[in-house]
Amino acid sequence: MSISIIRALPADAETLVRVQVAAFHYDSVLYPGVELGGPPGYDSVDEMLEKIQQDETYKIMDGETCVGGLVAFKRDNEHYHLDVIFLDPAAQNRGIGTLAMQFLEQTYPASMWTLDTPAWAVRNQHFYEKFGFVKLHEFVHDDGTPLIAYERRAATP
C-alpha cells in the first residue's frame, strides 16, 4: 500500500465523482433501508469541478489508483469544515481514512473543525469520534437527510 494525498486538479473531477458515487452507494449495502444517494451534488462532475476550484480538494491515491477524496474549506481564520471524505468500498478498513484525517490535521492546523454526517451512518460517527469529534446536535438537511453536526476544538495550552 503506497498512499498519497494530492491536491485535485480539474482533470481529476470525473474520477473523483466515480469513486464518490461508489462510496456513497455502498451505504445502502451497509445500512439496510438506506436508499442509493449521497449529499447534494455527490454525483455531479460540475459540482466537483466547483469544489476543486473553490475549496481544499484532494484525491487519495494508492499507487496510481484514485481510491478516495476529501474536501475541506475554511470558515474563518481558526475554523475549518470537513465537507466530505470518501473512500472506494474496496479501500475501506485499511487505515486510509485515518491517514487522510491525520493529513488534514497536519496540513490545516485549526482551533476548530466541524463536519456533518448522516444520523444513520454509525460507522462514520465512530470514525469521527475516534478523532475527538463531539456530537453537537441533530438536524434535518433541506433534502430531508437526518444529519449529526460534529465539532472538534483544539486543546488549549
N, C-alpha and C. Protein backbone atom coordinates (compact mmCIF):
# COMPACT_ATOMS: atom_id res chain seq x y z
N MET A 1 0.86 -1.18 0.00
CA MET A 1 0.00 0.00 0.00
C MET A 1 0.90 1.23 0.00
N SER A 2 0.75 2.05 -1.02
CA SER A 2 1.52 3.28 -1.14
C SER A 2 0.54 4.44 -1.27
N ILE A 3 0.11 4.99 -0.13
CA ILE A 3 -0.92 6.02 -0.11
C ILE A 3 -0.31 7.41 -0.20
N SER A 4 -0.88 8.23 -1.05
CA SER A 4 -0.50 9.64 -1.13
C SER A 4 -1.79 10.46 -1.23
N ILE A 5 -1.72 11.67 -0.72
CA ILE A 5 -2.86 12.58 -0.78
C ILE A 5 -2.38 13.82 -1.52
N ILE A 6 -3.02 14.06 -2.67
CA ILE A 6 -2.54 15.05 -3.63
C ILE A 6 -3.65 16.03 -3.96
N ARG A 7 -3.31 17.29 -4.06
CA ARG A 7 -4.30 18.31 -4.43
C ARG A 7 -4.95 17.92 -5.76
N ALA A 8 -6.27 17.97 -5.80
CA ALA A 8 -7.01 17.60 -7.01
C ALA A 8 -6.95 18.70 -8.05
N LEU A 9 -6.91 18.30 -9.29
CA LEU A 9 -6.93 19.20 -10.44
C LEU A 9 -8.24 18.99 -11.19
N PRO A 10 -8.65 19.95 -12.01
CA PRO A 10 -9.88 19.77 -12.79
C PRO A 10 -9.93 18.44 -13.56
N ALA A 11 -8.79 17.98 -14.05
CA ALA A 11 -8.75 16.71 -14.79
C ALA A 11 -9.12 15.52 -13.91
N ASP A 12 -9.11 15.67 -12.59
CA ASP A 12 -9.44 14.59 -11.67
C ASP A 12 -10.92 14.51 -11.34
N ALA A 13 -11.71 15.48 -11.76
CA ALA A 13 -13.11 15.58 -11.33
C ALA A 13 -13.93 14.33 -11.65
N GLU A 14 -13.84 13.82 -12.87
CA GLU A 14 -14.65 12.65 -13.23
C GLU A 14 -14.27 11.43 -12.40
N THR A 15 -12.99 11.21 -12.20
CA THR A 15 -12.55 10.07 -11.39
C THR A 15 -13.01 10.22 -9.95
N LEU A 16 -12.88 11.42 -9.39
CA LEU A 16 -13.33 11.64 -8.01
C LEU A 16 -14.82 11.40 -7.87
N VAL A 17 -15.60 11.84 -8.84
CA VAL A 17 -17.05 11.62 -8.77
C VAL A 17 -17.37 10.13 -8.86
N ARG A 18 -16.67 9.40 -9.73
CA ARG A 18 -16.91 7.96 -9.85
C ARG A 18 -16.66 7.27 -8.51
N VAL A 19 -15.55 7.60 -7.86
CA VAL A 19 -15.21 6.98 -6.57
C VAL A 19 -16.20 7.43 -5.49
N GLN A 20 -16.57 8.70 -5.52
CA GLN A 20 -17.52 9.22 -4.53
C GLN A 20 -18.88 8.53 -4.65
N VAL A 21 -19.35 8.34 -5.87
CA VAL A 21 -20.62 7.65 -6.08
C VAL A 21 -20.54 6.23 -5.54
N ALA A 22 -19.47 5.52 -5.83
CA ALA A 22 -19.31 4.15 -5.31
C ALA A 22 -19.31 4.14 -3.78
N ALA A 23 -18.63 5.11 -3.18
CA ALA A 23 -18.56 5.16 -1.72
C ALA A 23 -19.93 5.42 -1.11
N PHE A 24 -20.65 6.40 -1.62
CA PHE A 24 -21.95 6.72 -1.04
C PHE A 24 -23.00 5.67 -1.36
N HIS A 25 -22.92 5.04 -2.51
CA HIS A 25 -23.88 3.98 -2.83
C HIS A 25 -23.65 2.75 -1.95
N TYR A 26 -22.42 2.56 -1.49
CA TYR A 26 -22.12 1.43 -0.61
C TYR A 26 -22.85 1.55 0.72
N ASP A 27 -23.23 2.77 1.10
CA ASP A 27 -24.00 2.96 2.33
C ASP A 27 -25.30 2.15 2.30
N SER A 28 -25.88 1.98 1.10
CA SER A 28 -27.13 1.21 1.01
C SER A 28 -26.90 -0.27 1.28
N VAL A 29 -25.65 -0.73 1.15
CA VAL A 29 -25.30 -2.11 1.50
C VAL A 29 -25.05 -2.21 3.00
N LEU A 30 -24.35 -1.22 3.55
CA LEU A 30 -24.01 -1.22 4.98
C LEU A 30 -25.21 -1.00 5.88
N TYR A 31 -26.15 -0.18 5.43
CA TYR A 31 -27.28 0.22 6.27
C TYR A 31 -28.59 -0.12 5.56
N PRO A 32 -29.17 -1.28 5.88
CA PRO A 32 -30.43 -1.67 5.24
C PRO A 32 -31.49 -0.57 5.40
N GLY A 33 -32.18 -0.31 4.32
CA GLY A 33 -33.21 0.72 4.32
C GLY A 33 -32.73 2.07 3.81
N VAL A 34 -31.42 2.25 3.70
CA VAL A 34 -30.89 3.50 3.17
C VAL A 34 -30.88 3.39 1.64
N GLU A 35 -31.49 4.36 1.01
CA GLU A 35 -31.57 4.35 -0.45
C GLU A 35 -30.26 4.82 -1.07
N LEU A 36 -30.06 4.45 -2.34
CA LEU A 36 -28.90 4.95 -3.08
C LEU A 36 -28.94 6.47 -3.10
N GLY A 37 -27.80 7.07 -2.88
CA GLY A 37 -27.73 8.52 -2.90
C GLY A 37 -26.52 9.01 -2.14
N GLY A 38 -26.51 10.29 -1.89
CA GLY A 38 -25.41 10.92 -1.18
C GLY A 38 -25.74 12.37 -0.96
N PRO A 39 -24.76 13.14 -0.49
CA PRO A 39 -25.02 14.56 -0.28
C PRO A 39 -25.33 15.25 -1.60
N PRO A 40 -26.02 16.39 -1.54
CA PRO A 40 -26.35 17.09 -2.77
C PRO A 40 -25.11 17.32 -3.65
N GLY A 41 -25.24 16.94 -4.92
CA GLY A 41 -24.16 17.14 -5.88
C GLY A 41 -23.09 16.07 -5.87
N TYR A 42 -23.25 15.02 -5.08
CA TYR A 42 -22.21 13.99 -4.97
C TYR A 42 -21.93 13.28 -6.31
N ASP A 43 -22.89 13.30 -7.21
CA ASP A 43 -22.75 12.60 -8.48
C ASP A 43 -22.57 13.55 -9.67
N SER A 44 -22.19 14.80 -9.37
CA SER A 44 -22.07 15.82 -10.41
C SER A 44 -20.61 16.22 -10.64
N VAL A 45 -20.15 16.04 -11.87
CA VAL A 45 -18.80 16.47 -12.22
C VAL A 45 -18.69 17.98 -12.10
N ASP A 46 -19.74 18.71 -12.48
CA ASP A 46 -19.71 20.17 -12.36
C ASP A 46 -19.54 20.61 -10.91
N GLU A 47 -20.24 19.94 -9.99
CA GLU A 47 -20.10 20.26 -8.56
C GLU A 47 -18.67 19.98 -8.09
N MET A 48 -18.11 18.87 -8.54
CA MET A 48 -16.74 18.54 -8.13
C MET A 48 -15.77 19.56 -8.71
N LEU A 49 -15.96 19.97 -9.94
CA LEU A 49 -15.10 21.00 -10.53
C LEU A 49 -15.16 22.29 -9.71
N GLU A 50 -16.35 22.64 -9.25
CA GLU A 50 -16.51 23.84 -8.43
C GLU A 50 -15.75 23.69 -7.10
N LYS A 51 -15.83 22.51 -6.49
CA LYS A 51 -15.10 22.27 -5.24
C LYS A 51 -13.59 22.33 -5.46
N ILE A 52 -13.14 21.77 -6.57
CA ILE A 52 -11.70 21.79 -6.88
C ILE A 52 -11.22 23.23 -7.02
N GLN A 53 -12.04 24.09 -7.61
CA GLN A 53 -11.65 25.48 -7.83
C GLN A 53 -11.78 26.34 -6.57
N GLN A 54 -12.74 26.03 -5.68
CA GLN A 54 -13.03 26.92 -4.56
C GLN A 54 -12.55 26.41 -3.21
N ASP A 55 -12.44 25.10 -3.03
CA ASP A 55 -12.17 24.54 -1.71
C ASP A 55 -10.83 23.81 -1.70
N GLU A 56 -10.52 23.23 -0.56
CA GLU A 56 -9.31 22.42 -0.41
C GLU A 56 -9.69 21.00 -0.77
N THR A 57 -9.49 20.62 -2.02
CA THR A 57 -9.94 19.34 -2.55
C THR A 57 -8.74 18.47 -2.89
N TYR A 58 -8.77 17.24 -2.40
CA TYR A 58 -7.65 16.31 -2.58
C TYR A 58 -8.15 14.97 -3.09
N LYS A 59 -7.27 14.30 -3.83
CA LYS A 59 -7.52 12.91 -4.21
C LYS A 59 -6.61 12.04 -3.35
N ILE A 60 -7.12 10.89 -2.97
CA ILE A 60 -6.35 9.92 -2.19
C ILE A 60 -5.96 8.81 -3.14
N MET A 61 -4.65 8.62 -3.28
CA MET A 61 -4.12 7.67 -4.25
C MET A 61 -3.49 6.47 -3.54
N ASP A 62 -3.70 5.29 -4.09
CA ASP A 62 -2.98 4.08 -3.70
C ASP A 62 -2.16 3.72 -4.92
N GLY A 63 -0.91 4.11 -4.90
CA GLY A 63 -0.08 3.97 -6.10
C GLY A 63 -0.61 4.90 -7.17
N GLU A 64 -1.01 4.33 -8.30
CA GLU A 64 -1.52 5.12 -9.42
C GLU A 64 -3.05 5.15 -9.46
N THR A 65 -3.70 4.54 -8.46
CA THR A 65 -5.16 4.42 -8.46
C THR A 65 -5.79 5.36 -7.46
N CYS A 66 -6.77 6.13 -7.92
CA CYS A 66 -7.54 7.00 -7.03
C CYS A 66 -8.51 6.14 -6.23
N VAL A 67 -8.36 6.16 -4.90
CA VAL A 67 -9.22 5.35 -4.03
C VAL A 67 -10.12 6.20 -3.16
N GLY A 68 -10.01 7.52 -3.27
CA GLY A 68 -10.86 8.38 -2.45
C GLY A 68 -10.56 9.84 -2.64
N GLY A 69 -11.21 10.62 -1.82
CA GLY A 69 -11.01 12.06 -1.88
C GLY A 69 -11.52 12.72 -0.62
N LEU A 70 -11.18 13.99 -0.50
CA LEU A 70 -11.68 14.78 0.62
C LEU A 70 -11.76 16.23 0.21
N VAL A 71 -12.70 16.92 0.83
CA VAL A 71 -12.92 18.34 0.57
C VAL A 71 -13.10 19.03 1.92
N ALA A 72 -12.33 20.07 2.14
CA ALA A 72 -12.47 20.89 3.34
C ALA A 72 -12.47 22.36 2.91
N PHE A 73 -13.01 23.20 3.76
CA PHE A 73 -12.95 24.64 3.47
C PHE A 73 -12.84 25.42 4.77
N LYS A 74 -12.28 26.59 4.61
CA LYS A 74 -12.04 27.48 5.75
C LYS A 74 -13.29 28.30 6.02
N ARG A 75 -13.76 28.26 7.26
CA ARG A 75 -14.90 29.09 7.65
C ARG A 75 -14.42 30.45 8.15
N ASP A 76 -13.33 30.44 8.90
CA ASP A 76 -12.66 31.67 9.32
C ASP A 76 -11.23 31.31 9.69
N ASN A 77 -10.49 32.23 10.24
CA ASN A 77 -9.06 32.01 10.47
C ASN A 77 -8.74 30.76 11.28
N GLU A 78 -9.58 30.42 12.22
CA GLU A 78 -9.30 29.29 13.11
C GLU A 78 -10.26 28.12 12.95
N HIS A 79 -11.12 28.16 11.95
CA HIS A 79 -12.19 27.17 11.82
C HIS A 79 -12.23 26.60 10.40
N TYR A 80 -12.06 25.28 10.31
CA TYR A 80 -12.22 24.56 9.04
C TYR A 80 -13.41 23.62 9.14
N HIS A 81 -14.02 23.36 8.00
CA HIS A 81 -15.15 22.42 7.92
C HIS A 81 -14.77 21.30 6.95
N LEU A 82 -14.93 20.06 7.40
CA LEU A 82 -14.72 18.91 6.52
C LEU A 82 -16.03 18.68 5.78
N ASP A 83 -16.03 19.04 4.51
CA ASP A 83 -17.24 18.94 3.70
C ASP A 83 -17.55 17.48 3.38
N VAL A 84 -16.53 16.74 2.96
CA VAL A 84 -16.74 15.33 2.60
C VAL A 84 -15.40 14.60 2.61
N ILE A 85 -15.45 13.36 3.01
CA ILE A 85 -14.33 12.45 2.87
C ILE A 85 -14.94 11.14 2.40
N PHE A 86 -14.33 10.52 1.39
CA PHE A 86 -14.91 9.29 0.84
C PHE A 86 -13.81 8.35 0.36
N LEU A 87 -14.09 7.06 0.49
CA LEU A 87 -13.17 6.01 0.04
C LEU A 87 -13.94 4.98 -0.75
N ASP A 88 -13.32 4.49 -1.81
CA ASP A 88 -13.88 3.38 -2.56
C ASP A 88 -14.12 2.24 -1.57
N PRO A 89 -15.24 1.53 -1.68
CA PRO A 89 -15.50 0.44 -0.74
C PRO A 89 -14.36 -0.58 -0.64
N ALA A 90 -13.67 -0.84 -1.74
CA ALA A 90 -12.56 -1.80 -1.72
C ALA A 90 -11.36 -1.28 -0.93
N ALA A 91 -11.30 0.02 -0.68
CA ALA A 91 -10.18 0.62 0.04
C ALA A 91 -10.49 0.87 1.52
N GLN A 92 -11.71 0.58 1.92
CA GLN A 92 -12.10 0.83 3.30
C GLN A 92 -11.51 -0.21 4.25
N ASN A 93 -11.41 0.17 5.51
CA ASN A 93 -10.90 -0.70 6.58
C ASN A 93 -9.44 -1.09 6.38
N ARG A 94 -8.66 -0.17 5.78
CA ARG A 94 -7.22 -0.40 5.58
C ARG A 94 -6.37 0.70 6.20
N GLY A 95 -7.01 1.59 6.97
CA GLY A 95 -6.27 2.67 7.62
C GLY A 95 -6.11 3.91 6.76
N ILE A 96 -6.69 3.92 5.57
CA ILE A 96 -6.54 5.05 4.66
C ILE A 96 -7.30 6.28 5.17
N GLY A 97 -8.48 6.06 5.73
CA GLY A 97 -9.24 7.18 6.29
C GLY A 97 -8.49 7.83 7.44
N THR A 98 -7.84 7.02 8.25
CA THR A 98 -7.03 7.55 9.36
C THR A 98 -5.89 8.40 8.81
N LEU A 99 -5.22 7.92 7.77
CA LEU A 99 -4.16 8.71 7.15
C LEU A 99 -4.70 10.03 6.61
N ALA A 100 -5.89 10.00 6.03
CA ALA A 100 -6.48 11.22 5.48
C ALA A 100 -6.80 12.22 6.59
N MET A 101 -7.32 11.75 7.71
CA MET A 101 -7.62 12.64 8.82
C MET A 101 -6.33 13.23 9.40
N GLN A 102 -5.30 12.42 9.52
CA GLN A 102 -4.01 12.91 10.01
C GLN A 102 -3.44 13.95 9.05
N PHE A 103 -3.59 13.72 7.76
CA PHE A 103 -3.15 14.68 6.75
C PHE A 103 -3.84 16.03 6.96
N LEU A 104 -5.17 16.00 7.15
CA LEU A 104 -5.91 17.25 7.36
C LEU A 104 -5.42 17.98 8.60
N GLU A 105 -5.25 17.24 9.69
CA GLU A 105 -4.80 17.85 10.94
C GLU A 105 -3.44 18.53 10.78
N GLN A 106 -2.54 17.89 10.06
CA GLN A 106 -1.20 18.42 9.88
C GLN A 106 -1.16 19.56 8.86
N THR A 107 -1.97 19.47 7.83
CA THR A 107 -1.95 20.45 6.75
C THR A 107 -2.72 21.72 7.12
N TYR A 108 -3.79 21.56 7.88
CA TYR A 108 -4.65 22.69 8.24
C TYR A 108 -4.85 22.75 9.75
N PRO A 109 -3.81 23.14 10.49
CA PRO A 109 -4.00 23.24 11.94
C PRO A 109 -5.02 24.33 12.24
N ALA A 110 -6.04 23.98 12.95
CA ALA A 110 -7.12 24.93 13.26
C ALA A 110 -7.55 24.72 14.69
N SER A 111 -8.09 25.75 15.29
CA SER A 111 -8.57 25.60 16.66
C SER A 111 -9.92 24.89 16.68
N MET A 112 -10.61 24.85 15.52
CA MET A 112 -11.89 24.14 15.48
C MET A 112 -12.11 23.54 14.10
N TRP A 113 -12.57 22.30 14.10
CA TRP A 113 -13.03 21.60 12.90
C TRP A 113 -14.49 21.24 13.10
N THR A 114 -15.28 21.32 12.05
CA THR A 114 -16.67 20.88 12.10
C THR A 114 -16.94 19.96 10.91
N LEU A 115 -18.01 19.20 11.03
CA LEU A 115 -18.48 18.33 9.95
C LEU A 115 -19.89 17.88 10.25
N ASP A 116 -20.56 17.35 9.25
CA ASP A 116 -21.89 16.76 9.39
C ASP A 116 -21.83 15.36 8.80
N THR A 117 -22.57 14.44 9.40
CA THR A 117 -22.64 13.08 8.86
C THR A 117 -24.06 12.56 9.06
N PRO A 118 -24.53 11.67 8.19
CA PRO A 118 -25.89 11.14 8.34
C PRO A 118 -26.09 10.47 9.70
N ALA A 119 -27.27 10.68 10.27
CA ALA A 119 -27.59 10.12 11.58
C ALA A 119 -27.56 8.59 11.56
N TRP A 120 -27.85 7.98 10.42
CA TRP A 120 -27.86 6.52 10.32
C TRP A 120 -26.48 5.93 10.09
N ALA A 121 -25.47 6.75 9.79
CA ALA A 121 -24.12 6.28 9.44
C ALA A 121 -23.29 6.04 10.70
N VAL A 122 -23.59 4.97 11.39
CA VAL A 122 -22.95 4.66 12.67
C VAL A 122 -21.43 4.50 12.50
N ARG A 123 -20.99 3.88 11.42
CA ARG A 123 -19.54 3.74 11.19
C ARG A 123 -18.85 5.09 11.10
N ASN A 124 -19.48 6.03 10.40
CA ASN A 124 -18.91 7.37 10.28
C ASN A 124 -18.80 8.02 11.66
N GLN A 125 -19.85 7.89 12.45
CA GLN A 125 -19.86 8.50 13.78
C GLN A 125 -18.70 7.95 14.62
N HIS A 126 -18.54 6.65 14.61
CA HIS A 126 -17.45 6.04 15.36
C HIS A 126 -16.10 6.57 14.86
N PHE A 127 -15.95 6.64 13.55
CA PHE A 127 -14.70 7.11 12.94
C PHE A 127 -14.38 8.53 13.40
N TYR A 128 -15.33 9.44 13.30
CA TYR A 128 -15.09 10.83 13.69
C TYR A 128 -14.85 10.98 15.19
N GLU A 129 -15.59 10.24 15.99
CA GLU A 129 -15.42 10.31 17.44
C GLU A 129 -14.04 9.80 17.85
N LYS A 130 -13.49 8.85 17.10
CA LYS A 130 -12.14 8.35 17.34
C LYS A 130 -11.11 9.48 17.22
N PHE A 131 -11.41 10.49 16.42
CA PHE A 131 -10.52 11.63 16.22
C PHE A 131 -10.88 12.82 17.10
N GLY A 132 -11.71 12.58 18.09
CA GLY A 132 -12.02 13.63 19.06
C GLY A 132 -13.18 14.53 18.70
N PHE A 133 -13.92 14.20 17.64
CA PHE A 133 -15.10 14.99 17.31
C PHE A 133 -16.22 14.67 18.29
N VAL A 134 -16.96 15.71 18.66
CA VAL A 134 -18.03 15.58 19.65
C VAL A 134 -19.35 15.97 18.97
N LYS A 135 -20.36 15.16 19.22
CA LYS A 135 -21.68 15.42 18.66
C LYS A 135 -22.26 16.70 19.28
N LEU A 136 -22.70 17.61 18.41
CA LEU A 136 -23.33 18.85 18.88
C LEU A 136 -24.84 18.73 18.91
N HIS A 137 -25.42 18.36 17.77
CA HIS A 137 -26.87 18.24 17.67
C HIS A 137 -27.24 17.52 16.38
N GLU A 138 -28.49 17.11 16.32
CA GLU A 138 -29.03 16.50 15.11
C GLU A 138 -29.92 17.52 14.42
N PHE A 139 -29.96 17.44 13.09
CA PHE A 139 -30.83 18.32 12.33
C PHE A 139 -31.18 17.63 11.02
N VAL A 140 -32.11 18.19 10.29
CA VAL A 140 -32.54 17.63 9.01
C VAL A 140 -32.12 18.60 7.91
N HIS A 141 -31.35 18.07 6.95
CA HIS A 141 -30.91 18.87 5.80
C HIS A 141 -32.12 19.21 4.94
N ASP A 142 -31.97 20.22 4.09
CA ASP A 142 -33.05 20.63 3.19
C ASP A 142 -33.56 19.48 2.32
N ASP A 143 -32.69 18.50 2.03
CA ASP A 143 -33.09 17.37 1.19
C ASP A 143 -33.77 16.26 2.00
N GLY A 144 -33.96 16.47 3.31
CA GLY A 144 -34.64 15.50 4.17
C GLY A 144 -33.72 14.53 4.89
N THR A 145 -32.42 14.60 4.66
CA THR A 145 -31.47 13.69 5.30
C THR A 145 -31.25 14.10 6.76
N PRO A 146 -31.45 13.17 7.69
CA PRO A 146 -31.14 13.48 9.09
C PRO A 146 -29.62 13.47 9.29
N LEU A 147 -29.08 14.55 9.83
CA LEU A 147 -27.64 14.69 10.00
C LEU A 147 -27.28 14.93 11.46
N ILE A 148 -26.04 14.63 11.78
CA ILE A 148 -25.47 14.96 13.08
C ILE A 148 -24.34 15.95 12.85
N ALA A 149 -24.38 17.07 13.55
CA ALA A 149 -23.31 18.06 13.47
C ALA A 149 -22.27 17.71 14.53
N TYR A 150 -21.01 17.70 14.11
CA TYR A 150 -19.88 17.41 15.00
C TYR A 150 -18.91 18.57 15.00
N GLU A 151 -18.15 18.69 16.10
CA GLU A 151 -17.06 19.64 16.12
C GLU A 151 -15.92 19.06 16.96
N ARG A 152 -14.73 19.57 16.66
CA ARG A 152 -13.55 19.23 17.46
C ARG A 152 -12.79 20.51 17.68
N ARG A 153 -12.56 20.82 18.94
CA ARG A 153 -11.79 22.00 19.30
C ARG A 153 -10.40 21.57 19.74
N ALA A 154 -9.41 22.36 19.35
CA ALA A 154 -8.04 22.07 19.77
C ALA A 154 -7.92 22.30 21.27
N ALA A 155 -7.10 21.49 21.89
CA ALA A 155 -6.85 21.67 23.33
C ALA A 155 -6.13 23.00 23.54
N THR A 156 -6.55 23.72 24.56
CA THR A 156 -5.88 24.98 24.87
C THR A 156 -4.69 24.69 25.79
N PRO A 157 -3.58 25.40 25.54
CA PRO A 157 -2.37 25.15 26.33
C PRO A 157 -2.53 25.56 27.79
